[in-house]
Structure formats: structure tokens, C-alpha cells
């Protein structure tokens, strides 16, 4: 995908969210958010255009799995970030890209390019 493609960043740790957003912008990617909650992410899904959702698995007291399904139903690619193994993903999302935290920008750029 071209660097100008919009990427939604959903991460409940503000420093991580801002750092990731800044790094993506410096690399030429269009960034939507960051969303620090799934409620905010849902509003952005309704009102903003983006092609990729970069999702922390655990956002506050929720997982981002239902939000990932909503994104996929809109044709939006999903990339998960977590400290857990791939086994945490539900069966219907098991084919998603999963990046292990702490996420290295080189890995993120490769996932976005794929």
C-alpha cells in the first residue's frame, strides 16, 4: 500500500500511540487518530477514511476483536499489536497480521507494505 494510505492507530497507552503516530507520519503515512479507546475508534470508523487499522489487542477493558471484524466488513485491513502469542486471536481473525510488542518500526513498515 502506498505511504499516503490512511492508517488508524488504536492504542490505549498515550505515549505509545503518539510515538507510533509520529513515526508513521515521518515515514509518509497518513494517520487517523490515534484512538485511545474503542469508542473513539468506532466514531472514526464511521466518520474518517482509512485503509488499515493498527489495533492493540487489549484496549482498556475490552479486546479489539469486534472492532477488527467491523473494519474487515468495510474492506479495511487489520494489523494487531500485542505482547501475547498468535494463539490469542479468535479463529475468524487468525489470518490477521500480528506484531509482537514492543513493535519495531521496521516490522510495522514491512507489514504495511505487504
PDB file of N, CA and C in Angstrom:
ATOM      1  N   UNK A   1       0.838  -1.183   0.000  1.00  0.00           N
ATOM      2  CA  UNK A   1       0.000   0.000   0.000  1.00  0.00           C
ATOM      3  C   UNK A   1       0.882   1.245   0.000  1.00  0.00           C
ATOM      4  N   UNK A   2       0.444   2.280  -0.673  1.00  0.00           N
ATOM      5  CA  UNK A   2       1.263   3.494  -0.719  1.00  0.00           C
ATOM      6  C   UNK A   2       1.326   4.185   0.631  1.00  0.00           C
ATOM      7  N   UNK A   3       2.429   4.867   0.912  1.00  0.00           N
ATOM      8  CA  UNK A   3       2.563   5.534   2.201  1.00  0.00           C
ATOM      9  C   UNK A   3       1.457   6.527   2.517  1.00  0.00           C
ATOM     10  N   UNK A   4       0.790   7.096   1.512  1.00  0.00           N
ATOM     11  CA  UNK A   4      -0.263   8.069   1.801  1.00  0.00           C
ATOM     12  C   UNK A   4      -1.544   7.416   2.314  1.00  0.00           C
ATOM     13  N   UNK A   5      -1.610   6.100   2.265  1.00  0.00           N
ATOM     14  CA  UNK A   5      -2.782   5.382   2.748  1.00  0.00           C
ATOM     15  C   UNK A   5      -3.035   5.711   4.208  1.00  0.00           C
ATOM     16  N   UNK A   6      -4.287   5.941   4.569  1.00  0.00           N
ATOM     17  CA  UNK A   6      -4.639   6.259   5.944  1.00  0.00           C
ATOM     18  C   UNK A   6      -4.539   5.046   6.850  1.00  0.00           C
ATOM     19  N   UNK A   7      -3.887   5.227   7.978  1.00  0.00           N
ATOM     20  CA  UNK A   7      -3.741   4.183   8.986  1.00  0.00           C
ATOM     21  C   UNK A   7      -4.387   4.680  10.274  1.00  0.00           C
ATOM     22  N   UNK A   8      -5.353   3.931  10.778  1.00  0.00           N
ATOM     23  CA  UNK A   8      -5.941   4.232  12.081  1.00  0.00           C
ATOM     24  C   UNK A   8      -5.101   3.552  13.148  1.00  0.00           C
ATOM     25  N   UNK A   9      -4.641   4.304  14.122  1.00  0.00           N
ATOM     26  CA  UNK A   9      -3.880   3.763  15.245  1.00  0.00           C
ATOM     27  C   UNK A   9      -4.811   3.697  16.449  1.00  0.00           C
ATOM     28  N   UNK A  10      -5.012   2.476  16.983  1.00  0.00           N
ATOM     29  CA  UNK A  10      -5.838   2.270  18.177  1.00  0.00           C
ATOM     30  C   UNK A  10      -4.942   1.671  19.249  1.00  0.00           C
ATOM     31  N   UNK A  11      -4.624   2.480  20.249  1.00  0.00           N
ATOM     32  CA  UNK A  11      -3.693   2.094  21.317  1.00  0.00           C
ATOM     33  C   UNK A  11      -4.069   2.888  22.557  1.00  0.00           C
ATOM     34  N   UNK A  12      -4.287   2.195  23.681  1.00  0.00           N
ATOM     35  CA  UNK A  12      -4.746   2.888  24.891  1.00  0.00           C
ATOM     36  C   UNK A  12      -3.628   3.484  25.738  1.00  0.00           C
ATOM     37  N   UNK A  13      -2.392   3.244  25.389  1.00  0.00           N
ATOM     38  CA  UNK A  13      -1.262   3.867  26.082  1.00  0.00           C
ATOM     39  C   UNK A  13      -0.886   5.128  25.309  1.00  0.00           C
ATOM     40  N   UNK A  14      -1.182   6.311  25.852  1.00  0.00           N
ATOM     41  CA  UNK A  14      -0.998   7.549  25.092  1.00  0.00           C
ATOM     42  C   UNK A  14       0.401   7.757  24.526  1.00  0.00           C
ATOM     43  N   UNK A  15       1.425   7.467  25.289  1.00  0.00           N
ATOM     44  CA  UNK A  15       2.789   7.693  24.806  1.00  0.00           C
ATOM     45  C   UNK A  15       3.096   6.783  23.627  1.00  0.00           C
ATOM     46  N   UNK A  16       2.697   5.515  23.716  1.00  0.00           N
ATOM     47  CA  UNK A  16       2.913   4.578  22.611  1.00  0.00           C
ATOM     48  C   UNK A  16       2.119   5.024  21.388  1.00  0.00           C
ATOM     49  N   UNK A  17       0.862   5.419  21.600  1.00  0.00           N
ATOM     50  CA  UNK A  17       0.005   5.849  20.492  1.00  0.00           C
ATOM     51  C   UNK A  17       0.597   7.056  19.772  1.00  0.00           C
ATOM     52  N   UNK A  18       1.040   8.040  20.526  1.00  0.00           N
ATOM     53  CA  UNK A  18       1.610   9.247  19.919  1.00  0.00           C
ATOM     54  C   UNK A  18       2.930   8.957  19.223  1.00  0.00           C
ATOM     55  N   UNK A  19       3.773   8.137  19.849  1.00  0.00           N
ATOM     56  CA  UNK A  19       5.054   7.780  19.245  1.00  0.00           C
ATOM     57  C   UNK A  19       4.839   7.045  17.924  1.00  0.00           C
ATOM     58  N   UNK A  20       3.939   6.069  17.929  1.00  0.00           N
ATOM     59  CA  UNK A  20       3.664   5.301  16.724  1.00  0.00           C
ATOM     60  C   UNK A  20       3.094   6.202  15.627  1.00  0.00           C
ATOM     61  N   UNK A  21       2.183   7.085  16.002  1.00  0.00           N
ATOM     62  CA  UNK A  21       1.596   8.010  15.030  1.00  0.00           C
ATOM     63  C   UNK A  21       2.660   8.920  14.423  1.00  0.00           C
ATOM     64  N   UNK A  22       3.537   9.450  15.258  1.00  0.00           N
ATOM     65  CA  UNK A  22       4.620  10.320  14.771  1.00  0.00           C
ATOM     66  C   UNK A  22       5.553   9.571  13.833  1.00  0.00           C
ATOM     67  N   UNK A  23       5.929   8.362  14.216  1.00  0.00           N
ATOM     68  CA  UNK A  23       6.823   7.556  13.374  1.00  0.00           C
ATOM     69  C   UNK A  23       6.186   7.264  12.021  1.00  0.00           C
ATOM     70  N   UNK A  24       4.895   6.940  12.024  1.00  0.00           N
ATOM     71  CA  UNK A  24       4.198   6.672  10.763  1.00  0.00           C
ATOM     72  C   UNK A  24       4.150   7.924   9.895  1.00  0.00           C
ATOM     73  N   UNK A  25       3.856   9.061  10.501  1.00  0.00           N
ATOM     74  CA  UNK A  25       3.813  10.315   9.740  1.00  0.00           C
ATOM     75  C   UNK A  25       5.186  10.649   9.152  1.00  0.00           C
ATOM     76  N   UNK A  26       6.237  10.455   9.952  1.00  0.00           N
ATOM     77  CA  UNK A  26       7.590  10.715   9.455  1.00  0.00           C
ATOM     78  C   UNK A  26       7.938   9.812   8.281  1.00  0.00           C
ATOM     79  N   UNK A  27       7.365   8.611   8.259  1.00  0.00           N
ATOM     80  CA  UNK A  27       7.600   7.672   7.164  1.00  0.00           C
ATOM     81  C   UNK A  27       6.687   7.957   5.971  1.00  0.00           C
ATOM     82  N   UNK A  28       5.829   8.981   6.087  1.00  0.00           N
ATOM     83  CA  UNK A  28       4.993   9.380   4.966  1.00  0.00           C
ATOM     84  C   UNK A  28       3.584   8.823   4.960  1.00  0.00           C
ATOM     85  N   UNK A  29       3.202   8.116   6.004  1.00  0.00           N
ATOM     86  CA  UNK A  29       1.857   7.540   6.069  1.00  0.00           C
ATOM     87  C   UNK A  29       0.865   8.571   6.584  1.00  0.00           C
ATOM     88  N   UNK A  30      -0.339   8.533   6.064  1.00  0.00           N
ATOM     89  CA  UNK A  30      -1.423   9.335   6.606  1.00  0.00           C
ATOM     90  C   UNK A  30      -1.954   8.637   7.845  1.00  0.00           C
ATOM     91  N   UNK A  31      -2.102   9.353   8.932  1.00  0.00           N
ATOM     92  CA  UNK A  31      -2.530   8.744  10.197  1.00  0.00           C
ATOM     93  C   UNK A  31      -3.884   9.306  10.609  1.00  0.00           C
ATOM     94  N   UNK A  32      -4.780   8.412  10.998  1.00  0.00           N
ATOM     95  CA  UNK A  32      -6.074   8.773  11.567  1.00  0.00           C
ATOM     96  C   UNK A  32      -5.992   8.443  13.053  1.00  0.00           C
ATOM     97  N   UNK A  33      -6.382   9.378  13.881  1.00  0.00           N
ATOM     98  CA  UNK A  33      -6.259   9.176  15.323  1.00  0.00           C
ATOM     99  C   UNK A  33      -4.970   9.807  15.816  1.00  0.00           C
ATOM    100  N   UNK A  34      -4.417   9.231  16.852  1.00  0.00           N
ATOM    101  CA  UNK A  34      -4.713   7.912  17.408  1.00  0.00           C
ATOM    102  C   UNK A  34      -5.990   7.899  18.245  1.00  0.00           C
ATOM    103  N   UNK A  35      -6.601   6.734  18.289  1.00  0.00           N
ATOM    104  CA  UNK A  35      -7.763   6.498  19.142  1.00  0.00           C
ATOM    105  C   UNK A  35      -7.277   5.798  20.401  1.00  0.00           C
ATOM    106  N   UNK A  36      -7.563   6.390  21.549  1.00  0.00           N
ATOM    107  CA  UNK A  36      -7.127   5.815  22.823  1.00  0.00           C
ATOM    108  C   UNK A  36      -8.176   4.894  23.427  1.00  0.00           C
ATOM    109  N   UNK A  37      -9.337   4.811  22.776  1.00  0.00           N
ATOM    110  CA  UNK A  37     -10.408   3.921  23.245  1.00  0.00           C
ATOM    111  C   UNK A  37     -11.122   3.338  22.036  1.00  0.00           C
ATOM    112  N   UNK A  38     -11.843   2.245  22.255  1.00  0.00           N
ATOM    113  CA  UNK A  38     -12.607   1.660  21.161  1.00  0.00           C
ATOM    114  C   UNK A  38     -13.816   2.515  20.804  1.00  0.00           C
ATOM    115  N   UNK A  39     -14.377   3.244  21.760  1.00  0.00           N
ATOM    116  CA  UNK A  39     -15.468   4.173  21.436  1.00  0.00           C
ATOM    117  C   UNK A  39     -14.987   5.221  20.435  1.00  0.00           C
ATOM    118  N   UNK A  40     -13.805   5.771  20.691  1.00  0.00           N
ATOM    119  CA  UNK A  40     -13.230   6.753  19.767  1.00  0.00           C
ATOM    120  C   UNK A  40     -12.964   6.101  18.415  1.00  0.00           C
ATOM    121  N   UNK A  41     -12.428   4.892  18.421  1.00  0.00           N
ATOM    122  CA  UNK A  41     -12.146   4.178  17.173  1.00  0.00           C
ATOM    123  C   UNK A  41     -13.428   3.945  16.376  1.00  0.00           C
ATOM    124  N   UNK A  42     -14.509   3.598  17.053  1.00  0.00           N
ATOM    125  CA  UNK A  42     -15.789   3.373  16.363  1.00  0.00           C
ATOM    126  C   UNK A  42     -16.287   4.662  15.699  1.00  0.00           C
ATOM    127  N   UNK A  43     -16.127   5.779  16.382  1.00  0.00           N
ATOM    128  CA  UNK A  43     -16.528   7.059  15.781  1.00  0.00           C
ATOM    129  C   UNK A  43     -15.684   7.360  14.540  1.00  0.00           C
ATOM    130  N   UNK A  44     -14.399   7.076  14.619  1.00  0.00           N
ATOM    131  CA  UNK A  44     -13.523   7.302  13.471  1.00  0.00           C
ATOM    132  C   UNK A  44     -13.884   6.381  12.314  1.00  0.00           C
ATOM    133  N   UNK A  45     -14.275   5.154  12.612  1.00  0.00           N
ATOM    134  CA  UNK A  45     -14.692   4.218  11.564  1.00  0.00           C
ATOM    135  C   UNK A  45     -15.896   4.776  10.805  1.00  0.00           C
ATOM    136  N   UNK A  46     -16.797   5.419  11.513  1.00  0.00           N
ATOM    137  CA  UNK A  46     -17.994   5.989  10.885  1.00  0.00           C
ATOM    138  C   UNK A  46     -17.713   7.277  10.113  1.00  0.00           C
ATOM    139  N   UNK A  47     -16.711   8.036  10.557  1.00  0.00           N
ATOM    140  CA  UNK A  47     -16.543   9.397  10.039  1.00  0.00           C
ATOM    141  C   UNK A  47     -15.252   9.681   9.280  1.00  0.00           C
ATOM    142  N   UNK A  48     -14.293   8.786   9.308  1.00  0.00           N
ATOM    143  CA  UNK A  48     -12.999   9.040   8.674  1.00  0.00           C
ATOM    144  C   UNK A  48     -12.693   7.946   7.659  1.00  0.00           C
ATOM    145  N   UNK A  49     -11.867   8.292   6.693  1.00  0.00           N
ATOM    146  CA  UNK A  49     -11.437   7.301   5.717  1.00  0.00           C
ATOM    147  C   UNK A  49     -10.056   6.768   6.057  1.00  0.00           C
ATOM    148  N   UNK A  50      -9.925   5.472   6.117  1.00  0.00           N
ATOM    149  CA  UNK A  50      -8.615   4.840   6.302  1.00  0.00           C
ATOM    150  C   UNK A  50      -8.670   3.448   5.696  1.00  0.00           C
ATOM    151  N   UNK A  51      -7.499   2.920   5.342  1.00  0.00           N
ATOM    152  CA  UNK A  51      -7.430   1.622   4.676  1.00  0.00           C
ATOM    153  C   UNK A  51      -6.855   0.533   5.556  1.00  0.00           C
ATOM    154  N   UNK A  52      -6.194   0.932   6.648  1.00  0.00           N
ATOM    155  CA  UNK A  52      -5.564  -0.030   7.556  1.00  0.00           C
ATOM    156  C   UNK A  52      -5.881   0.370   8.992  1.00  0.00           C
ATOM    157  N   UNK A  53      -6.218  -0.623   9.819  1.00  0.00           N
ATOM    158  CA  UNK A  53      -6.419  -0.395  11.254  1.00  0.00           C
ATOM    159  C   UNK A  53      -5.310  -1.113  12.005  1.00  0.00           C
ATOM    160  N   UNK A  54      -4.528  -0.360  12.742  1.00  0.00           N
ATOM    161  CA  UNK A  54      -3.446  -0.887  13.568  1.00  0.00           C
ATOM    162  C   UNK A  54      -3.981  -0.945  14.992  1.00  0.00           C
ATOM    163  N   UNK A  55      -4.244  -2.155  15.481  1.00  0.00           N
ATOM    164  CA  UNK A  55      -5.017  -2.338  16.706  1.00  0.00           C
ATOM    165  C   UNK A  55      -4.236  -3.015  17.817  1.00  0.00           C
ATOM    166  N   UNK A  56      -4.185  -2.365  18.971  1.00  0.00           N
ATOM    167  CA  UNK A  56      -3.751  -3.043  20.187  1.00  0.00           C
ATOM    168  C   UNK A  56      -4.827  -4.085  20.487  1.00  0.00           C
ATOM    169  N   UNK A  57      -4.455  -5.282  20.880  1.00  0.00           N
ATOM    170  CA  UNK A  57      -5.453  -6.321  21.171  1.00  0.00           C
ATOM    171  C   UNK A  57      -6.294  -5.928  22.380  1.00  0.00           C
ATOM    172  N   UNK A  58      -5.644  -5.474  23.443  1.00  0.00           N
ATOM    173  CA  UNK A  58      -6.366  -5.066  24.653  1.00  0.00           C
ATOM    174  C   UNK A  58      -6.409  -3.549  24.719  1.00  0.00           C
ATOM    175  N   UNK A  59      -7.624  -3.010  24.659  1.00  0.00           N
ATOM    176  CA  UNK A  59      -7.820  -1.561  24.710  1.00  0.00           C
ATOM    177  C   UNK A  59      -8.740  -1.289  25.891  1.00  0.00           C
ATOM    178  N   UNK A  60      -8.158  -0.760  26.962  1.00  0.00           N
ATOM    179  CA  UNK A  60      -8.942  -0.582  28.187  1.00  0.00           C
ATOM    180  C   UNK A  60      -9.392  -1.938  28.705  1.00  0.00           C
ATOM    181  N   UNK A  61     -10.687  -2.067  28.980  1.00  0.00           N
ATOM    182  CA  UNK A  61     -11.246  -3.322  29.494  1.00  0.00           C
ATOM    183  C   UNK A  61     -11.760  -4.238  28.394  1.00  0.00           C
ATOM    184  N   UNK A  62     -11.525  -3.881  27.139  1.00  0.00           N
ATOM    185  CA  UNK A  62     -12.067  -4.638  26.011  1.00  0.00           C
ATOM    186  C   UNK A  62     -10.947  -5.183  25.138  1.00  0.00           C
ATOM    187  N   UNK A  63     -11.310  -6.145  24.293  1.00  0.00           N
ATOM    188  CA  UNK A  63     -10.412  -6.531  23.207  1.00  0.00           C
ATOM    189  C   UNK A  63     -10.895  -5.829  21.945  1.00  0.00           C
ATOM    190  N   UNK A  64     -10.018  -5.713  20.987  1.00  0.00           N
ATOM    191  CA  UNK A  64     -10.358  -5.031  19.738  1.00  0.00           C
ATOM    192  C   UNK A  64     -10.910  -5.977  18.680  1.00  0.00           C
ATOM    193  N   UNK A  65     -11.239  -7.207  19.051  1.00  0.00           N
ATOM    194  CA  UNK A  65     -11.671  -8.199  18.067  1.00  0.00           C
ATOM    195  C   UNK A  65     -12.961  -7.809  17.341  1.00  0.00           C
ATOM    196  N   UNK A  66     -13.975  -7.352  18.060  1.00  0.00           N
ATOM    197  CA  UNK A  66     -15.219  -6.947  17.390  1.00  0.00           C
ATOM    198  C   UNK A  66     -14.985  -5.746  16.480  1.00  0.00           C
ATOM    199  N   UNK A  67     -14.151  -4.827  16.925  1.00  0.00           N
ATOM    200  CA  UNK A  67     -13.831  -3.678  16.081  1.00  0.00           C
ATOM    201  C   UNK A  67     -13.092  -4.142  14.825  1.00  0.00           C
ATOM    202  N   UNK A  68     -12.190  -5.105  14.972  1.00  0.00           N
ATOM    203  CA  UNK A  68     -11.472  -5.648  13.814  1.00  0.00           C
ATOM    204  C   UNK A  68     -12.453  -6.257  12.815  1.00  0.00           C
ATOM    205  N   UNK A  69     -13.439  -6.968  13.321  1.00  0.00           N
ATOM    206  CA  UNK A  69     -14.457  -7.555  12.433  1.00  0.00           C
ATOM    207  C   UNK A  69     -15.227  -6.462  11.690  1.00  0.00           C
ATOM    208  N   UNK A  70     -15.566  -5.387  12.396  1.00  0.00           N
ATOM    209  CA  UNK A  70     -16.275  -4.269  11.761  1.00  0.00           C
ATOM    210  C   UNK A  70     -15.408  -3.640  10.669  1.00  0.00           C
ATOM    211  N   UNK A  71     -14.122  -3.498  10.938  1.00  0.00           N
ATOM    212  CA  UNK A  71     -13.205  -2.955   9.934  1.00  0.00           C
ATOM    213  C   UNK A  71     -13.155  -3.862   8.714  1.00  0.00           C
ATOM    214  N   UNK A  72     -12.981  -5.138   8.946  1.00  0.00           N
ATOM    215  CA  UNK A  72     -12.908  -6.084   7.835  1.00  0.00           C
ATOM    216  C   UNK A  72     -14.180  -6.054   6.991  1.00  0.00           C
ATOM    217  N   UNK A  73     -15.325  -5.904   7.635  1.00  0.00           N
ATOM    218  CA  UNK A  73     -16.584  -5.870   6.881  1.00  0.00           C
ATOM    219  C   UNK A  73     -16.658  -4.643   5.972  1.00  0.00           C
ATOM    220  N   UNK A  74     -15.845  -3.625   6.269  1.00  0.00           N
ATOM    221  CA  UNK A  74     -15.764  -2.415   5.443  1.00  0.00           C
ATOM    222  C   UNK A  74     -14.589  -2.471   4.467  1.00  0.00           C
ATOM    223  N   UNK A  75     -13.890  -3.617   4.402  1.00  0.00           N
ATOM    224  CA  UNK A  75     -12.758  -3.769   3.496  1.00  0.00           C
ATOM    225  C   UNK A  75     -11.468  -3.153   4.001  1.00  0.00           C
ATOM    226  N   UNK A  76     -11.401  -2.913   5.301  1.00  0.00           N
ATOM    227  CA  UNK A  76     -10.217  -2.305   5.917  1.00  0.00           C
ATOM    228  C   UNK A  76      -9.300  -3.407   6.437  1.00  0.00           C
ATOM    229  N   UNK A  77      -8.032  -3.348   6.062  1.00  0.00           N
ATOM    230  CA  UNK A  77      -7.049  -4.320   6.538  1.00  0.00           C
ATOM    231  C   UNK A  77      -6.789  -4.102   8.024  1.00  0.00           C
ATOM    232  N   UNK A  78      -6.499  -5.199   8.725  1.00  0.00           N
ATOM    233  CA  UNK A  78      -6.285  -5.159  10.176  1.00  0.00           C
ATOM    234  C   UNK A  78      -4.908  -5.705  10.509  1.00  0.00           C
ATOM    235  N   UNK A  79      -4.192  -4.979  11.358  1.00  0.00           N
ATOM    236  CA  UNK A  79      -2.917  -5.438  11.913  1.00  0.00           C
ATOM    237  C   UNK A  79      -3.037  -5.336  13.424  1.00  0.00           C
ATOM    238  N   UNK A  80      -2.816  -6.455  14.111  1.00  0.00           N
ATOM    239  CA  UNK A  80      -2.878  -6.469  15.572  1.00  0.00           C
ATOM    240  C   UNK A  80      -1.495  -6.260  16.167  1.00  0.00           C
ATOM    241  N   UNK A  81      -1.468  -5.640  17.358  1.00  0.00           N
ATOM    242  CA  UNK A  81      -0.249  -5.492  18.152  1.00  0.00           C
ATOM    243  C   UNK A  81      -0.534  -6.068  19.534  1.00  0.00           C
ATOM    244  N   UNK A  82       0.370  -6.898  20.028  1.00  0.00           N
ATOM    245  CA  UNK A  82       0.165  -7.484  21.354  1.00  0.00           C
ATOM    246  C   UNK A  82       1.467  -8.047  21.898  1.00  0.00           C
ATOM    247  N   UNK A  83       1.515  -8.217  23.189  1.00  0.00           N
ATOM    248  CA  UNK A  83       2.621  -8.914  23.825  1.00  0.00           C
ATOM    249  C   UNK A  83       2.357 -10.413  23.905  1.00  0.00           C
ATOM    250  N   UNK A  84       1.148 -10.820  23.533  1.00  0.00           N
ATOM    251  CA  UNK A  84       0.756 -12.229  23.597  1.00  0.00           C
ATOM    252  C   UNK A  84       1.106 -12.947  22.297  1.00  0.00           C
ATOM    253  N   UNK A  85       0.956 -14.261  22.306  1.00  0.00           N
ATOM    254  CA  UNK A  85       1.216 -15.053  21.106  1.00  0.00           C
ATOM    255  C   UNK A  85       0.008 -15.008  20.176  1.00  0.00           C
ATOM    256  N   UNK A  86       0.194 -15.510  18.979  1.00  0.00           N
ATOM    257  CA  UNK A  86      -0.860 -15.583  17.971  1.00  0.00           C
ATOM    258  C   UNK A  86      -2.069 -16.373  18.461  1.00  0.00           C
ATOM    259  N   UNK A  87      -1.879 -17.263  19.428  1.00  0.00           N
ATOM    260  CA  UNK A  87      -2.969 -18.101  19.942  1.00  0.00           C
ATOM    261  C   UNK A  87      -4.097 -17.274  20.555  1.00  0.00           C
ATOM    262  N   UNK A  88      -3.840 -16.020  20.891  1.00  0.00           N
ATOM    263  CA  UNK A  88      -4.882 -15.173  21.484  1.00  0.00           C
ATOM    264  C   UNK A  88      -5.950 -14.776  20.456  1.00  0.00           C
ATOM    265  N   UNK A  89      -5.623 -14.834  19.174  1.00  0.00           N
ATOM    266  CA  UNK A  89      -6.570 -14.400  18.144  1.00  0.00           C
ATOM    267  C   UNK A  89      -7.700 -15.405  17.968  1.00  0.00           C
ATOM    268  N   UNK A  90      -8.941 -14.922  17.867  1.00  0.00           N
ATOM    269  CA  UNK A  90     -10.060 -15.817  17.575  1.00  0.00           C
ATOM    270  C   UNK A  90      -9.873 -16.457  16.195  1.00  0.00           C
ATOM    271  N   UNK A  91     -10.494 -17.585  15.992  1.00  0.00           N
ATOM    272  CA  UNK A  91     -10.321 -18.346  14.757  1.00  0.00           C
ATOM    273  C   UNK A  91     -10.607 -17.506  13.509  1.00  0.00           C
ATOM    274  N   UNK A  92     -11.655 -16.702  13.552  1.00  0.00           N
ATOM    275  CA  UNK A  92     -12.015 -15.923  12.360  1.00  0.00           C
ATOM    276  C   UNK A  92     -11.055 -14.767  12.079  1.00  0.00           C
ATOM    277  N   UNK A  93     -10.175 -14.459  13.008  1.00  0.00           N
ATOM    278  CA  UNK A  93      -9.182 -13.399  12.815  1.00  0.00           C
ATOM    279  C   UNK A  93      -7.752 -13.939  12.792  1.00  0.00           C
ATOM    280  N   UNK A  94      -7.618 -15.253  12.819  1.00  0.00           N
ATOM    281  CA  UNK A  94      -6.303 -15.886  12.942  1.00  0.00           C
ATOM    282  C   UNK A  94      -5.389 -15.613  11.750  1.00  0.00           C
ATOM    283  N   UNK A  95      -5.956 -15.235  10.614  1.00  0.00           N
ATOM    284  CA  UNK A  95      -5.127 -14.948   9.444  1.00  0.00           C
ATOM    285  C   UNK A  95      -4.633 -13.497   9.415  1.00  0.00           C
ATOM    286  N   UNK A  96      -4.944 -12.737  10.439  1.00  0.00           N
ATOM    287  CA  UNK A  96      -4.516 -11.332  10.517  1.00  0.00           C
ATOM    288  C   UNK A  96      -3.021 -11.231  10.788  1.00  0.00           C
ATOM    289  N   UNK A  97      -2.448 -10.136  10.351  1.00  0.00           N
ATOM    290  CA  UNK A  97      -1.060  -9.839  10.696  1.00  0.00           C
ATOM    291  C   UNK A  97      -1.011  -9.530  12.189  1.00  0.00           C
ATOM    292  N   UNK A  98      -0.034 -10.093  12.877  1.00  0.00           N
ATOM    293  CA  UNK A  98       0.143  -9.847  14.306  1.00  0.00           C
ATOM    294  C   UNK A  98       1.586  -9.436  14.553  1.00  0.00           C
ATOM    295  N   UNK A  99       1.767  -8.287  15.160  1.00  0.00           N
ATOM    296  CA  UNK A  99       3.090  -7.794  15.527  1.00  0.00           C
ATOM    297  C   UNK A  99       3.243  -7.884  17.034  1.00  0.00           C
ATOM    298  N   UNK A 100       4.381  -8.390  17.472  1.00  0.00           N
ATOM    299  CA  UNK A 100       4.635  -8.523  18.910  1.00  0.00           C
ATOM    300  C   UNK A 100       5.169  -7.216  19.464  1.00  0.00           C
ATOM    301  N   UNK A 101       4.630  -6.840  20.621  1.00  0.00           N
ATOM    302  CA  UNK A 101       5.107  -5.649  21.330  1.00  0.00           C
ATOM    303  C   UNK A 101       6.376  -5.982  22.096  1.00  0.00           C
ATOM    304  N   UNK A 102       7.297  -5.077  22.202  1.00  0.00           N
ATOM    305  CA  UNK A 102       7.261  -3.748  21.612  1.00  0.00           C
ATOM    306  C   UNK A 102       7.456  -3.831  20.096  1.00  0.00           C
ATOM    307  N   UNK A 103       6.613  -3.129  19.369  1.00  0.00           N
ATOM    308  CA  UNK A 103       6.629  -3.166  17.911  1.00  0.00           C
ATOM    309  C   UNK A 103       7.827  -2.377  17.393  1.00  0.00           C
ATOM    310  N   UNK A 104       8.584  -3.023  16.526  1.00  0.00           N
ATOM    311  CA  UNK A 104       9.702  -2.356  15.859  1.00  0.00           C
ATOM    312  C   UNK A 104       9.169  -1.666  14.608  1.00  0.00           C
ATOM    313  N   UNK A 105       9.566  -0.441  14.361  1.00  0.00           N
ATOM    314  CA  UNK A 105       9.054   0.292  13.205  1.00  0.00           C
ATOM    315  C   UNK A 105       9.382  -0.412  11.899  1.00  0.00           C
ATOM    316  N   UNK A 106      10.514  -1.086  11.827  1.00  0.00           N
ATOM    317  CA  UNK A 106      10.848  -1.805  10.593  1.00  0.00           C
ATOM    318  C   UNK A 106       9.833  -2.918  10.334  1.00  0.00           C
ATOM    319  N   UNK A 107       9.377  -3.597  11.386  1.00  0.00           N
ATOM    320  CA  UNK A 107       8.361  -4.644  11.233  1.00  0.00           C
ATOM    321  C   UNK A 107       7.023  -4.040  10.834  1.00  0.00           C
ATOM    322  N   UNK A 108       6.685  -2.909  11.429  1.00  0.00           N
ATOM    323  CA  UNK A 108       5.429  -2.249  11.100  1.00  0.00           C
ATOM    324  C   UNK A 108       5.438  -1.775   9.652  1.00  0.00           C
ATOM    325  N   UNK A 109       6.528  -1.159   9.224  1.00  0.00           N
ATOM    326  CA  UNK A 109       6.618  -0.707   7.830  1.00  0.00           C
ATOM    327  C   UNK A 109       6.487  -1.883   6.875  1.00  0.00           C
ATOM    328  N   UNK A 110       7.120  -3.008   7.207  1.00  0.00           N
ATOM    329  CA  UNK A 110       7.019  -4.196   6.351  1.00  0.00           C
ATOM    330  C   UNK A 110       5.585  -4.711   6.301  1.00  0.00           C
ATOM    331  N   UNK A 111       4.902  -4.723   7.441  1.00  0.00           N
ATOM    332  CA  UNK A 111       3.508  -5.188   7.478  1.00  0.00           C
ATOM    333  C   UNK A 111       2.612  -4.265   6.659  1.00  0.00           C
ATOM    334  N   UNK A 112       2.836  -2.965   6.742  1.00  0.00           N
ATOM    335  CA  UNK A 112       2.034  -2.015   5.979  1.00  0.00           C
ATOM    336  C   UNK A 112       2.315  -2.115   4.482  1.00  0.00           C
ATOM    337  N   UNK A 113       3.542  -2.428   4.130  1.00  0.00           N
ATOM    338  CA  UNK A 113       3.906  -2.553   2.718  1.00  0.00           C
ATOM    339  C   UNK A 113       3.336  -3.825   2.103  1.00  0.00           C
ATOM    340  N   UNK A 114       3.087  -4.835   2.953  1.00  0.00           N
ATOM    341  CA  UNK A 114       2.599  -6.134   2.474  1.00  0.00           C
ATOM    342  C   UNK A 114       1.176  -6.079   2.149  1.00  0.00           C
TER     343      UNK A 114
END
